[in-house]
Amino acid sequence: MFLNEQKSEIGNVSVATTDFKGHDVDFWAKSLSDRIVSVGEECHPVIAQQAVAFKDAVLKLIAYYMREAIKSDRTTLINELNRQGHGDMAEIIRRL
């Protein structure tokens, strides 16, 4: 009789929760920059310093473009609500 053993690994799992809201841009930008750039614990200190500086620059760039994407999406939503005659709802979203 042969046994076919299968192994599965899912890696590290983390959970972050909020109360009555979604995660903000800074949360998502940090999550993404952590996935894009990692700094090895055993690398040379100068290289680690450069990697941390690069990671910070990546974080700021991600956050900037995420904020711009949100503004653009809201503009699209506001214009669509206005086009359909829902100016009151468009104004509520504009004030967010």
Protein backbone atom coordinates (compact mmCIF):
# COMPACT_ATOMS: atom_id res chain seq x y z
CA MET A 1 0.00 0.00 0.00
CA PHE A 2 1.39 3.40 -1.01
CA LEU A 3 0.66 6.61 0.83
CA ASN A 4 0.59 9.86 -1.06
CA GLU A 5 1.48 12.55 1.45
CA GLN A 6 0.88 16.16 0.49
CA LYS A 7 2.18 19.20 2.30
CA SER A 8 0.89 22.72 2.07
CA GLU A 9 2.43 25.91 3.30
CA ILE A 10 0.65 29.22 3.33
CA GLY A 11 3.44 31.40 4.68
CA ASN A 12 2.96 34.11 7.25
CA VAL A 13 -0.57 35.25 7.85
CA SER A 14 -1.50 38.45 9.62
CA VAL A 15 -4.83 39.99 10.41
CA ALA A 16 -5.58 43.68 10.90
CA THR A 17 -9.01 44.92 11.89
CA THR A 18 -10.69 48.30 12.18
CA ASP A 19 -13.84 49.58 13.86
CA PHE A 20 -16.56 50.93 11.56
CA LYS A 21 -14.23 51.81 8.68
CA GLY A 22 -11.88 50.36 6.12
CA HIS A 23 -8.12 50.57 6.26
CA ASP A 24 -6.64 53.91 5.30
CA VAL A 25 -4.10 54.68 2.58
CA ASP A 26 -1.18 54.58 5.02
CA PHE A 27 -2.07 51.02 6.08
CA TRP A 28 -2.23 49.79 2.49
CA ALA A 29 0.89 51.71 1.41
CA LYS A 30 2.88 50.21 4.29
CA SER A 31 1.54 46.72 3.57
CA LEU A 32 2.54 47.01 -0.08
CA SER A 33 5.96 48.55 0.58
CA ASP A 34 6.67 45.76 3.10
CA ARG A 35 5.92 43.22 0.35
CA ILE A 36 7.98 45.03 -2.30
CA VAL A 37 11.07 45.78 -0.21
CA SER A 38 12.44 43.69 2.61
CA VAL A 39 15.63 44.30 4.54
CA GLY A 40 17.65 41.22 5.46
CA GLU A 41 18.54 40.95 9.12
CA GLU A 42 22.06 39.80 8.38
CA CYS A 43 23.01 42.20 5.59
CA HIS A 44 25.74 44.82 5.88
CA PRO A 45 24.57 47.86 7.91
CA VAL A 46 25.24 50.28 5.04
CA ILE A 47 23.18 48.17 2.65
CA ALA A 48 20.42 47.88 5.26
CA GLN A 49 20.43 51.66 5.64
CA GLN A 50 20.08 52.12 1.88
CA ALA A 51 17.31 49.53 1.73
CA VAL A 52 15.38 51.26 4.52
CA ALA A 53 15.73 54.62 2.74
CA PHE A 54 14.54 53.04 -0.52
CA LYS A 55 11.61 51.37 1.27
CA ASP A 56 10.60 54.74 2.76
CA ALA A 57 10.69 56.33 -0.70
CA VAL A 58 8.58 53.48 -2.10
CA LEU A 59 6.08 53.89 0.76
CA LYS A 60 5.68 57.62 0.09
CA LEU A 61 5.29 57.07 -3.65
CA ILE A 62 2.65 54.36 -3.18
CA ALA A 63 0.70 56.50 -0.69
CA TYR A 64 0.79 59.51 -3.04
CA TYR A 65 -0.55 57.59 -6.03
CA MET A 66 -3.17 55.79 -3.94
CA ARG A 67 -4.49 59.15 -2.73
CA GLU A 68 -4.56 60.41 -6.32
CA ALA A 69 -6.44 57.28 -7.43
CA ILE A 70 -9.02 57.79 -4.66
CA LYS A 71 -9.51 61.44 -5.70
CA SER A 72 -9.92 60.38 -9.33
CA ASP A 73 -12.43 57.68 -8.45
CA ARG A 74 -14.45 60.11 -6.33
CA THR A 75 -14.47 62.62 -9.18
CA THR A 76 -15.82 59.93 -11.50
CA LEU A 77 -18.47 58.95 -8.95
CA ILE A 78 -19.51 62.57 -8.30
CA ASN A 79 -19.83 63.27 -12.03
CA GLU A 80 -21.86 60.11 -12.59
CA LEU A 81 -24.23 60.95 -9.71
CA ASN A 82 -24.65 64.49 -11.06
CA ARG A 83 -25.28 63.11 -14.56
CA GLN A 84 -28.05 60.89 -13.18
CA GLY A 85 -29.66 63.78 -11.29
CA HIS A 86 -28.44 62.92 -7.80
CA GLY A 87 -26.70 66.19 -7.00
CA ASP A 88 -27.45 65.83 -3.28
CA MET A 89 -25.58 62.53 -3.07
CA ALA A 90 -22.78 63.90 -5.23
CA GLU A 91 -22.36 66.80 -2.82
CA ILE A 92 -22.15 64.43 0.17
CA ILE A 93 -19.38 62.46 -1.52
CA ARG A 94 -17.60 65.65 -2.60
CA ARG A 95 -17.39 66.73 1.05
CA LEU A 96 -15.81 63.43 2.19
